[in-house]
Amino acid sequence: MYFEESKSEFRAKIGIILRSDSNFRWYLVARILAYFGTIAFAFYAVYAVQEHHVSEWKIGLMTGGYLATQNTGKSHHGMDWRPEQPPFHHGFWNDFCFH
């Protein structure tokens, strides 16, 4: 079901949620920090090739492993979702199997 609401109403609701739900605030902080942690991966790969003379196929293998683990982790992110907890993010697995 789609509800039409103004941007100011939406912002007010977001403000209420952020002020009242400390678990959700910490969830957002953790997601933001995790995102910044993944940004550095490409720089580490370039550094490894230039400074430590790691072969390009090894960097490709490392990048492929990193991509595979990221996709697996993100697809299984919501597998332990329980109805008594707020469903902020179900993840691909729950969306695929249970909806």
PDB file of N, CA and C in Angstrom:
ATOM      1  N   MET A   1       0.849  -1.167   0.000  1.00  0.00           N
ATOM      2  CA  MET A   1       0.000   0.000   0.000  1.00  0.00           C
ATOM      3  C   MET A   1       0.894   1.229   0.000  1.00  0.00           C
ATOM      4  N   TYR A   2       0.541   2.210  -0.795  1.00  0.00           N
ATOM      5  CA  TYR A   2       1.351   3.417  -0.948  1.00  0.00           C
ATOM      6  C   TYR A   2       0.642   4.584  -0.276  1.00  0.00           C
ATOM      7  N   PHE A   3       1.349   5.282   0.596  1.00  0.00           N
ATOM      8  CA  PHE A   3       0.785   6.440   1.280  1.00  0.00           C
ATOM      9  C   PHE A   3       1.492   7.679   0.792  1.00  0.00           C
ATOM     10  N   GLU A   4       0.729   8.677   0.466  1.00  0.00           N
ATOM     11  CA  GLU A   4       1.289   9.945   0.008  1.00  0.00           C
ATOM     12  C   GLU A   4       1.495  10.848   1.220  1.00  0.00           C
ATOM     13  N   GLU A   5       2.717  11.299   1.413  1.00  0.00           N
ATOM     14  CA  GLU A   5       2.976  12.240   2.494  1.00  0.00           C
ATOM     15  C   GLU A   5       3.994  13.254   2.011  1.00  0.00           C
ATOM     16  N   SER A   6       3.962  14.409   2.606  1.00  0.00           N
ATOM     17  CA  SER A   6       4.865  15.468   2.185  1.00  0.00           C
ATOM     18  C   SER A   6       6.269  15.191   2.721  1.00  0.00           C
ATOM     19  N   LYS A   7       7.226  15.907   2.150  1.00  0.00           N
ATOM     20  CA  LYS A   7       8.609  15.753   2.595  1.00  0.00           C
ATOM     21  C   LYS A   7       8.782  16.198   4.039  1.00  0.00           C
ATOM     22  N   SER A   8       8.074  17.240   4.430  1.00  0.00           N
ATOM     23  CA  SER A   8       8.209  17.721   5.806  1.00  0.00           C
ATOM     24  C   SER A   8       7.629  16.703   6.795  1.00  0.00           C
ATOM     25  N   GLU A   9       6.533  16.030   6.443  1.00  0.00           N
ATOM     26  CA  GLU A   9       5.982  14.988   7.302  1.00  0.00           C
ATOM     27  C   GLU A   9       6.957  13.815   7.425  1.00  0.00           C
ATOM     28  N   PHE A  10       7.562  13.457   6.299  1.00  0.00           N
ATOM     29  CA  PHE A  10       8.532  12.365   6.296  1.00  0.00           C
ATOM     30  C   PHE A  10       9.735  12.707   7.172  1.00  0.00           C
ATOM     31  N   ARG A  11      10.254  13.923   7.026  1.00  0.00           N
ATOM     32  CA  ARG A  11      11.406  14.348   7.830  1.00  0.00           C
ATOM     33  C   ARG A  11      11.068  14.372   9.312  1.00  0.00           C
ATOM     34  N   ALA A  12       9.859  14.791   9.639  1.00  0.00           N
ATOM     35  CA  ALA A  12       9.445  14.807  11.043  1.00  0.00           C
ATOM     36  C   ALA A  12       9.410  13.390  11.613  1.00  0.00           C
ATOM     37  N   LYS A  13       8.914  12.444  10.830  1.00  0.00           N
ATOM     38  CA  LYS A  13       8.873  11.053  11.292  1.00  0.00           C
ATOM     39  C   LYS A  13      10.273  10.491  11.463  1.00  0.00           C
ATOM     40  N   ILE A  14      11.163  10.822  10.538  1.00  0.00           N
ATOM     41  CA  ILE A  14      12.551  10.363  10.650  1.00  0.00           C
ATOM     42  C   ILE A  14      13.182  10.934  11.917  1.00  0.00           C
ATOM     43  N   GLY A  15      12.942  12.204  12.188  1.00  0.00           N
ATOM     44  CA  GLY A  15      13.477  12.817  13.394  1.00  0.00           C
ATOM     45  C   GLY A  15      12.979  12.145  14.655  1.00  0.00           C
ATOM     46  N   ILE A  16      11.698  11.806  14.679  1.00  0.00           N
ATOM     47  CA  ILE A  16      11.133  11.117  15.845  1.00  0.00           C
ATOM     48  C   ILE A  16      11.798   9.755  16.031  1.00  0.00           C
ATOM     49  N   ILE A  17      11.957   9.033  14.947  1.00  0.00           N
ATOM     50  CA  ILE A  17      12.573   7.703  15.028  1.00  0.00           C
ATOM     51  C   ILE A  17      14.018   7.815  15.516  1.00  0.00           C
ATOM     52  N   LEU A  18      14.771   8.748  14.966  1.00  0.00           N
ATOM     53  CA  LEU A  18      16.178   8.893  15.359  1.00  0.00           C
ATOM     54  C   LEU A  18      16.334   9.341  16.808  1.00  0.00           C
ATOM     55  N   ARG A  19      15.417  10.186  17.290  1.00  0.00           N
ATOM     56  CA  ARG A  19      15.492  10.624  18.687  1.00  0.00           C
ATOM     57  C   ARG A  19      15.063   9.524  19.656  1.00  0.00           C
ATOM     58  N   SER A  20      14.103   8.707  19.270  1.00  0.00           N
ATOM     59  CA  SER A  20      13.518   7.763  20.227  1.00  0.00           C
ATOM     60  C   SER A  20      14.134   6.363  20.188  1.00  0.00           C
ATOM     61  N   ASP A  21      14.771   5.983  19.096  1.00  0.00           N
ATOM     62  CA  ASP A  21      15.244   4.601  18.956  1.00  0.00           C
ATOM     63  C   ASP A  21      16.769   4.558  18.890  1.00  0.00           C
ATOM     64  N   SER A  22      17.399   4.326  20.037  1.00  0.00           N
ATOM     65  CA  SER A  22      18.865   4.315  20.070  1.00  0.00           C
ATOM     66  C   SER A  22      19.444   3.123  19.313  1.00  0.00           C
ATOM     67  N   ASN A  23      18.747   1.987  19.305  1.00  0.00           N
ATOM     68  CA  ASN A  23      19.244   0.832  18.547  1.00  0.00           C
ATOM     69  C   ASN A  23      19.317   1.137  17.057  1.00  0.00           C
ATOM     70  N   PHE A  24      18.319   1.834  16.555  1.00  0.00           N
ATOM     71  CA  PHE A  24      18.331   2.192  15.135  1.00  0.00           C
ATOM     72  C   PHE A  24      19.450   3.192  14.836  1.00  0.00           C
ATOM     73  N   ARG A  25      19.689   4.134  15.747  1.00  0.00           N
ATOM     74  CA  ARG A  25      20.804   5.077  15.563  1.00  0.00           C
ATOM     75  C   ARG A  25      22.121   4.329  15.476  1.00  0.00           C
ATOM     76  N   TRP A  26      22.358   3.372  16.382  1.00  0.00           N
ATOM     77  CA  TRP A  26      23.601   2.601  16.354  1.00  0.00           C
ATOM     78  C   TRP A  26      23.686   1.734  15.106  1.00  0.00           C
ATOM     79  N   TYR A  27      22.538   1.235  14.641  1.00  0.00           N
ATOM     80  CA  TYR A  27      22.516   0.475  13.387  1.00  0.00           C
ATOM     81  C   TYR A  27      22.996   1.354  12.233  1.00  0.00           C
ATOM     82  N   LEU A  28      22.494   2.581  12.170  1.00  0.00           N
ATOM     83  CA  LEU A  28      22.913   3.488  11.100  1.00  0.00           C
ATOM     84  C   LEU A  28      24.399   3.832  11.206  1.00  0.00           C
ATOM     85  N   VAL A  29      24.884   4.058  12.415  1.00  0.00           N
ATOM     86  CA  VAL A  29      26.309   4.349  12.606  1.00  0.00           C
ATOM     87  C   VAL A  29      27.157   3.170  12.124  1.00  0.00           C
ATOM     88  N   ALA A  30      26.752   1.965  12.495  1.00  0.00           N
ATOM     89  CA  ALA A  30      27.506   0.777  12.082  1.00  0.00           C
ATOM     90  C   ALA A  30      27.490   0.612  10.565  1.00  0.00           C
ATOM     91  N   ARG A  31      26.357   0.860   9.928  1.00  0.00           N
ATOM     92  CA  ARG A  31      26.288   0.738   8.471  1.00  0.00           C
ATOM     93  C   ARG A  31      27.164   1.776   7.778  1.00  0.00           C
ATOM     94  N   ILE A  32      27.179   2.988   8.300  1.00  0.00           N
ATOM     95  CA  ILE A  32      28.006   4.040   7.709  1.00  0.00           C
ATOM     96  C   ILE A  32      29.492   3.705   7.859  1.00  0.00           C
ATOM     97  N   LEU A  33      29.888   3.259   9.048  1.00  0.00           N
ATOM     98  CA  LEU A  33      31.295   2.893   9.261  1.00  0.00           C
ATOM     99  C   LEU A  33      31.692   1.690   8.403  1.00  0.00           C
ATOM    100  N   ALA A  34      30.791   0.723   8.252  1.00  0.00           N
ATOM    101  CA  ALA A  34      31.086  -0.430   7.397  1.00  0.00           C
ATOM    102  C   ALA A  34      31.260   0.006   5.949  1.00  0.00           C
ATOM    103  N   TYR A  35      30.470   0.953   5.516  1.00  0.00           N
ATOM    104  CA  TYR A  35      30.604   1.463   4.152  1.00  0.00           C
ATOM    105  C   TYR A  35      31.969   2.105   3.948  1.00  0.00           C
ATOM    106  N   PHE A  36      32.396   2.940   4.887  1.00  0.00           N
ATOM    107  CA  PHE A  36      33.703   3.577   4.751  1.00  0.00           C
ATOM    108  C   PHE A  36      34.831   2.555   4.822  1.00  0.00           C
ATOM    109  N   GLY A  37      34.631   1.471   5.528  1.00  0.00           N
ATOM    110  CA  GLY A  37      35.631   0.415   5.554  1.00  0.00           C
ATOM    111  C   GLY A  37      35.807  -0.262   4.211  1.00  0.00           C
ATOM    112  N   THR A  38      34.736  -0.348   3.436  1.00  0.00           N
ATOM    113  CA  THR A  38      34.831  -1.002   2.129  1.00  0.00           C
ATOM    114  C   THR A  38      35.432  -0.083   1.066  1.00  0.00           C
ATOM    115  N   ILE A  39      35.389   1.208   1.295  1.00  0.00           N
ATOM    116  CA  ILE A  39      35.957   2.147   0.322  1.00  0.00           C
ATOM    117  C   ILE A  39      37.462   1.918   0.165  1.00  0.00           C
ATOM    118  N   ALA A  40      38.124   1.600   1.250  1.00  0.00           N
ATOM    119  CA  ALA A  40      39.587   1.486   1.239  1.00  0.00           C
ATOM    120  C   ALA A  40      40.088   0.260   0.497  1.00  0.00           C
ATOM    121  N   PHE A  41      39.234  -0.706   0.228  1.00  0.00           N
ATOM    122  CA  PHE A  41      39.682  -1.964  -0.380  1.00  0.00           C
ATOM    123  C   PHE A  41      40.432  -1.744  -1.692  1.00  0.00           C
ATOM    124  N   ALA A  42      39.919  -0.907  -2.560  1.00  0.00           N
ATOM    125  CA  ALA A  42      40.577  -0.658  -3.851  1.00  0.00           C
ATOM    126  C   ALA A  42      41.957  -0.040  -3.654  1.00  0.00           C
ATOM    127  N   PHE A  43      42.092   0.820  -2.681  1.00  0.00           N
ATOM    128  CA  PHE A  43      43.388   1.442  -2.424  1.00  0.00           C
ATOM    129  C   PHE A  43      44.398   0.421  -1.896  1.00  0.00           C
ATOM    130  N   TYR A  44      43.928  -0.495  -1.066  1.00  0.00           N
ATOM    131  CA  TYR A  44      44.818  -1.564  -0.605  1.00  0.00           C
ATOM    132  C   TYR A  44      45.292  -2.428  -1.766  1.00  0.00           C
ATOM    133  N   ALA A  45      44.413  -2.695  -2.708  1.00  0.00           N
ATOM    134  CA  ALA A  45      44.784  -3.513  -3.862  1.00  0.00           C
ATOM    135  C   ALA A  45      45.859  -2.812  -4.698  1.00  0.00           C
ATOM    136  N   VAL A  46      45.672  -1.531  -4.971  1.00  0.00           N
ATOM    137  CA  VAL A  46      46.666  -0.773  -5.742  1.00  0.00           C
ATOM    138  C   VAL A  46      47.987  -0.704  -4.986  1.00  0.00           C
ATOM    139  N   TYR A  47      47.930  -0.487  -3.678  1.00  0.00           N
ATOM    140  CA  TYR A  47      49.136  -0.433  -2.851  1.00  0.00           C
ATOM    141  C   TYR A  47      49.876  -1.762  -2.891  1.00  0.00           C
ATOM    142  N   ALA A  48      49.145  -2.867  -2.822  1.00  0.00           N
ATOM    143  CA  ALA A  48      49.772  -4.188  -2.845  1.00  0.00           C
ATOM    144  C   ALA A  48      50.497  -4.430  -4.169  1.00  0.00           C
ATOM    145  N   VAL A  49      49.899  -3.994  -5.272  1.00  0.00           N
ATOM    146  CA  VAL A  49      50.528  -4.192  -6.591  1.00  0.00           C
ATOM    147  C   VAL A  49      51.758  -3.305  -6.723  1.00  0.00           C
ATOM    148  N   GLN A  50      51.642  -2.042  -6.350  1.00  0.00           N
ATOM    149  CA  GLN A  50      52.739  -1.099  -6.579  1.00  0.00           C
ATOM    150  C   GLN A  50      53.883  -1.247  -5.583  1.00  0.00           C
ATOM    151  N   GLU A  51      53.587  -1.458  -4.333  1.00  0.00           N
ATOM    152  CA  GLU A  51      54.632  -1.449  -3.314  1.00  0.00           C
ATOM    153  C   GLU A  51      55.154  -2.833  -2.954  1.00  0.00           C
ATOM    154  N   HIS A  52      54.302  -3.831  -3.035  1.00  0.00           N
ATOM    155  CA  HIS A  52      54.705  -5.184  -2.634  1.00  0.00           C
ATOM    156  C   HIS A  52      54.795  -6.141  -3.814  1.00  0.00           C
ATOM    157  N   HIS A  53      54.583  -5.620  -5.001  1.00  0.00           N
ATOM    158  CA  HIS A  53      54.720  -6.371  -6.251  1.00  0.00           C
ATOM    159  C   HIS A  53      53.885  -7.659  -6.257  1.00  0.00           C
ATOM    160  N   VAL A  54      52.679  -7.565  -5.725  1.00  0.00           N
ATOM    161  CA  VAL A  54      51.745  -8.692  -5.783  1.00  0.00           C
ATOM    162  C   VAL A  54      51.246  -8.797  -7.217  1.00  0.00           C
ATOM    163  N   SER A  55      51.172 -10.009  -7.733  1.00  0.00           N
ATOM    164  CA  SER A  55      50.752 -10.167  -9.125  1.00  0.00           C
ATOM    165  C   SER A  55      49.288  -9.781  -9.292  1.00  0.00           C
ATOM    166  N   GLU A  56      48.964  -9.365 -10.496  1.00  0.00           N
ATOM    167  CA  GLU A  56      47.613  -8.888 -10.778  1.00  0.00           C
ATOM    168  C   GLU A  56      46.588 -10.004 -10.663  1.00  0.00           C
ATOM    169  N   TRP A  57      46.974 -11.238 -10.995  1.00  0.00           N
ATOM    170  CA  TRP A  57      45.991 -12.321 -10.880  1.00  0.00           C
ATOM    171  C   TRP A  57      45.657 -12.604  -9.420  1.00  0.00           C
ATOM    172  N   LYS A  58      46.629 -12.399  -8.520  1.00  0.00           N
ATOM    173  CA  LYS A  58      46.343 -12.576  -7.092  1.00  0.00           C
ATOM    174  C   LYS A  58      45.400 -11.476  -6.582  1.00  0.00           C
ATOM    175  N   ILE A  59      45.601 -10.269  -7.074  1.00  0.00           N
ATOM    176  CA  ILE A  59      44.689  -9.186  -6.705  1.00  0.00           C
ATOM    177  C   ILE A  59      43.302  -9.465  -7.281  1.00  0.00           C
ATOM    178  N   GLY A  60      43.247  -9.997  -8.476  1.00  0.00           N
ATOM    179  CA  GLY A  60      41.952 -10.373  -9.055  1.00  0.00           C
ATOM    180  C   GLY A  60      41.268 -11.453  -8.241  1.00  0.00           C
ATOM    181  N   LEU A  61      42.031 -12.429  -7.788  1.00  0.00           N
ATOM    182  CA  LEU A  61      41.483 -13.485  -6.943  1.00  0.00           C
ATOM    183  C   LEU A  61      40.997 -12.919  -5.606  1.00  0.00           C
ATOM    184  N   MET A  62      41.788 -12.026  -5.038  1.00  0.00           N
ATOM    185  CA  MET A  62      41.395 -11.385  -3.789  1.00  0.00           C
ATOM    186  C   MET A  62      40.120 -10.554  -3.974  1.00  0.00           C
ATOM    187  N   THR A  63      40.038  -9.820  -5.065  1.00  0.00           N
ATOM    188  CA  THR A  63      38.850  -9.006  -5.343  1.00  0.00           C
ATOM    189  C   THR A  63      37.627  -9.886  -5.566  1.00  0.00           C
ATOM    190  N   GLY A  64      37.800 -10.989  -6.290  1.00  0.00           N
ATOM    191  CA  GLY A  64      36.689 -11.916  -6.504  1.00  0.00           C
ATOM    192  C   GLY A  64      36.198 -12.533  -5.198  1.00  0.00           C
ATOM    193  N   GLY A  65      37.130 -12.897  -4.327  1.00  0.00           N
ATOM    194  CA  GLY A  65      36.748 -13.432  -3.021  1.00  0.00           C
ATOM    195  C   GLY A  65      36.033 -12.398  -2.178  1.00  0.00           C
ATOM    196  N   TYR A  66      36.529 -11.170  -2.230  1.00  0.00           N
ATOM    197  CA  TYR A  66      35.893 -10.090  -1.487  1.00  0.00           C
ATOM    198  C   TYR A  66      34.471  -9.855  -2.005  1.00  0.00           C
ATOM    199  N   LEU A  67      34.306  -9.821  -3.307  1.00  0.00           N
ATOM    200  CA  LEU A  67      32.982  -9.614  -3.894  1.00  0.00           C
ATOM    201  C   LEU A  67      32.036 -10.750  -3.530  1.00  0.00           C
ATOM    202  N   ALA A  68      32.533 -11.980  -3.586  1.00  0.00           N
ATOM    203  CA  ALA A  68      31.693 -13.136  -3.255  1.00  0.00           C
ATOM    204  C   ALA A  68      31.254 -13.105  -1.797  1.00  0.00           C
ATOM    205  N   THR A  69      32.163 -12.766  -0.898  1.00  0.00           N
ATOM    206  CA  THR A  69      31.781 -12.733   0.513  1.00  0.00           C
ATOM    207  C   THR A  69      30.841 -11.569   0.804  1.00  0.00           C
ATOM    208  N   GLN A  70      31.032 -10.444   0.137  1.00  0.00           N
ATOM    209  CA  GLN A  70      30.111  -9.325   0.326  1.00  0.00           C
ATOM    210  C   GLN A  70      28.707  -9.698  -0.143  1.00  0.00           C
ATOM    211  N   ASN A  71      28.602 -10.309  -1.310  1.00  0.00           N
ATOM    212  CA  ASN A  71      27.284 -10.692  -1.827  1.00  0.00           C
ATOM    213  C   ASN A  71      26.633 -11.754  -0.960  1.00  0.00           C
ATOM    214  N   THR A  72      27.404 -12.723  -0.505  1.00  0.00           N
ATOM    215  CA  THR A  72      26.847 -13.767   0.357  1.00  0.00           C
ATOM    216  C   THR A  72      26.390 -13.174   1.684  1.00  0.00           C
ATOM    217  N   GLY A  73      27.208 -12.333   2.261  1.00  0.00           N
ATOM    218  CA  GLY A  73      26.844 -11.718   3.532  1.00  0.00           C
ATOM    219  C   GLY A  73      25.621 -10.829   3.427  1.00  0.00           C
ATOM    220  N   LYS A  74      25.530 -10.067   2.355  1.00  0.00           N
ATOM    221  CA  LYS A  74      24.391  -9.175   2.202  1.00  0.00           C
ATOM    222  C   LYS A  74      23.110  -9.944   1.886  1.00  0.00           C
ATOM    223  N   SER A  75      23.227 -11.047   1.176  1.00  0.00           N
ATOM    224  CA  SER A  75      22.015 -11.800   0.849  1.00  0.00           C
ATOM    225  C   SER A  75      21.492 -12.559   2.060  1.00  0.00           C
ATOM    226  N   HIS A  76      22.358 -12.844   3.031  1.00  0.00           N
ATOM    227  CA  HIS A  76      21.938 -13.559   4.234  1.00  0.00           C
ATOM    228  C   HIS A  76      21.775 -12.631   5.431  1.00  0.00           C
ATOM    229  N   HIS A  77      21.818 -11.342   5.190  1.00  0.00           N
ATOM    230  CA  HIS A  77      21.789 -10.356   6.269  1.00  0.00           C
ATOM    231  C   HIS A  77      20.552 -10.483   7.147  1.00  0.00           C
ATOM    232  N   GLY A  78      19.418 -10.739   6.579  1.00  0.00           N
ATOM    233  CA  GLY A  78      18.186 -10.747   7.352  1.00  0.00           C
ATOM    234  C   GLY A  78      17.660 -12.110   7.698  1.00  0.00           C
ATOM    235  N   MET A  79      18.459 -13.159   7.600  1.00  0.00           N
ATOM    236  CA  MET A  79      17.946 -14.510   7.813  1.00  0.00           C
ATOM    237  C   MET A  79      17.496 -14.759   9.247  1.00  0.00           C
ATOM    238  N   ASP A  80      18.007 -14.038  10.221  1.00  0.00           N
ATOM    239  CA  ASP A  80      17.607 -14.278  11.601  1.00  0.00           C
ATOM    240  C   ASP A  80      16.513 -13.322  12.062  1.00  0.00           C
ATOM    241  N   TRP A  81      15.810 -12.706  11.143  1.00  0.00           N
ATOM    242  CA  TRP A  81      14.749 -11.769  11.487  1.00  0.00           C
ATOM    243  C   TRP A  81      13.641 -12.480  12.245  1.00  0.00           C
ATOM    244  N   ARG A  82      13.209 -11.846  13.331  1.00  0.00           N
ATOM    245  CA  ARG A  82      12.116 -12.395  14.135  1.00  0.00           C
ATOM    246  C   ARG A  82      11.009 -11.355  14.210  1.00  0.00           C
ATOM    247  N   PRO A  83       9.738 -11.775  14.179  1.00  0.00           N
ATOM    248  CA  PRO A  83       8.631 -10.813  14.157  1.00  0.00           C
ATOM    249  C   PRO A  83       8.592  -9.882  15.357  1.00  0.00           C
ATOM    250  N   GLU A  84       9.131 -10.282  16.509  1.00  0.00           N
ATOM    251  CA  GLU A  84       9.076  -9.417  17.673  1.00  0.00           C
ATOM    252  C   GLU A  84      10.075  -8.259  17.598  1.00  0.00           C
ATOM    253  N   GLN A  85      10.970  -8.290  16.617  1.00  0.00           N
ATOM    254  CA  GLN A  85      11.924  -7.209  16.444  1.00  0.00           C
ATOM    255  C   GLN A  85      11.513  -6.354  15.250  1.00  0.00           C
ATOM    256  N   PRO A  86      11.809  -5.056  15.293  1.00  0.00           N
ATOM    257  CA  PRO A  86      11.416  -4.197  14.170  1.00  0.00           C
ATOM    258  C   PRO A  86      12.170  -4.577  12.899  1.00  0.00           C
ATOM    259  N   PRO A  87      11.472  -4.783  11.803  1.00  0.00           N
ATOM    260  CA  PRO A  87      12.119  -5.214  10.551  1.00  0.00           C
ATOM    261  C   PRO A  87      12.681  -4.046   9.755  1.00  0.00           C
ATOM    262  N   PHE A  88      13.804  -3.477  10.225  1.00  0.00           N
ATOM    263  CA  PHE A  88      14.374  -2.352   9.506  1.00  0.00           C
ATOM    264  C   PHE A  88      14.940  -2.776   8.162  1.00  0.00           C
ATOM    265  N   HIS A  89      15.560  -3.949   8.138  1.00  0.00           N
ATOM    266  CA  HIS A  89      16.117  -4.425   6.873  1.00  0.00           C
ATOM    267  C   HIS A  89      16.044  -5.938   6.868  1.00  0.00           C
ATOM    268  N   HIS A  90      15.241  -6.477   5.971  1.00  0.00           N
ATOM    269  CA  HIS A  90      15.067  -7.927   5.910  1.00  0.00           C
ATOM    270  C   HIS A  90      16.177  -8.604   5.127  1.00  0.00           C
ATOM    271  N   GLY A  91      16.746  -7.924   4.166  1.00  0.00           N
ATOM    272  CA  GLY A  91      17.741  -8.546   3.322  1.00  0.00           C
ATOM    273  C   GLY A  91      17.105  -9.300   2.158  1.00  0.00           C
ATOM    274  N   PHE A  92      17.922  -9.624   1.186  1.00  0.00           N
ATOM    275  CA  PHE A  92      17.449 -10.298  -0.015  1.00  0.00           C
ATOM    276  C   PHE A  92      16.823 -11.642   0.307  1.00  0.00           C
ATOM    277  N   TRP A  93      17.450 -12.397   1.213  1.00  0.00           N
ATOM    278  CA  TRP A  93      16.992 -13.754   1.482  1.00  0.00           C
ATOM    279  C   TRP A  93      15.554 -13.769   1.991  1.00  0.00           C
ATOM    280  N   ASN A  94      15.222 -12.898   2.946  1.00  0.00           N
ATOM    281  CA  ASN A  94      13.853 -12.841   3.448  1.00  0.00           C
ATOM    282  C   ASN A  94      12.892 -12.337   2.388  1.00  0.00           C
ATOM    283  N   ASP A  95      13.312 -11.353   1.616  1.00  0.00           N
ATOM    284  CA  ASP A  95      12.440 -10.852   0.553  1.00  0.00           C
ATOM    285  C   ASP A  95      12.146 -11.934  -0.470  1.00  0.00           C
ATOM    286  N   PHE A  96      13.156 -12.747  -0.766  1.00  0.00           N
ATOM    287  CA  PHE A  96      12.997 -13.788  -1.777  1.00  0.00           C
ATOM    288  C   PHE A  96      12.155 -14.942  -1.267  1.00  0.00           C
ATOM    289  N   CYS A  97      12.368 -15.359  -0.047  1.00  0.00           N
ATOM    290  CA  CYS A  97      11.731 -16.590   0.467  1.00  0.00           C
ATOM    291  C   CYS A  97      10.413 -16.373   1.180  1.00  0.00           C
ATOM    292  N   PHE A  98      10.236 -15.247   1.823  1.00  0.00           N
ATOM    293  CA  PHE A  98       9.092 -15.125   2.726  1.00  0.00           C
ATOM    294  C   PHE A  98       8.059 -14.100   2.300  1.00  0.00           C
ATOM    295  N   HIS A  99       8.253 -13.409   1.212  1.00  0.00           N
ATOM    296  CA  HIS A  99       7.262 -12.388   0.808  1.00  0.00           C
ATOM    297  C   HIS A  99       6.681 -12.717  -0.533  1.00  0.00           C
TER     298      HIS A  99
END
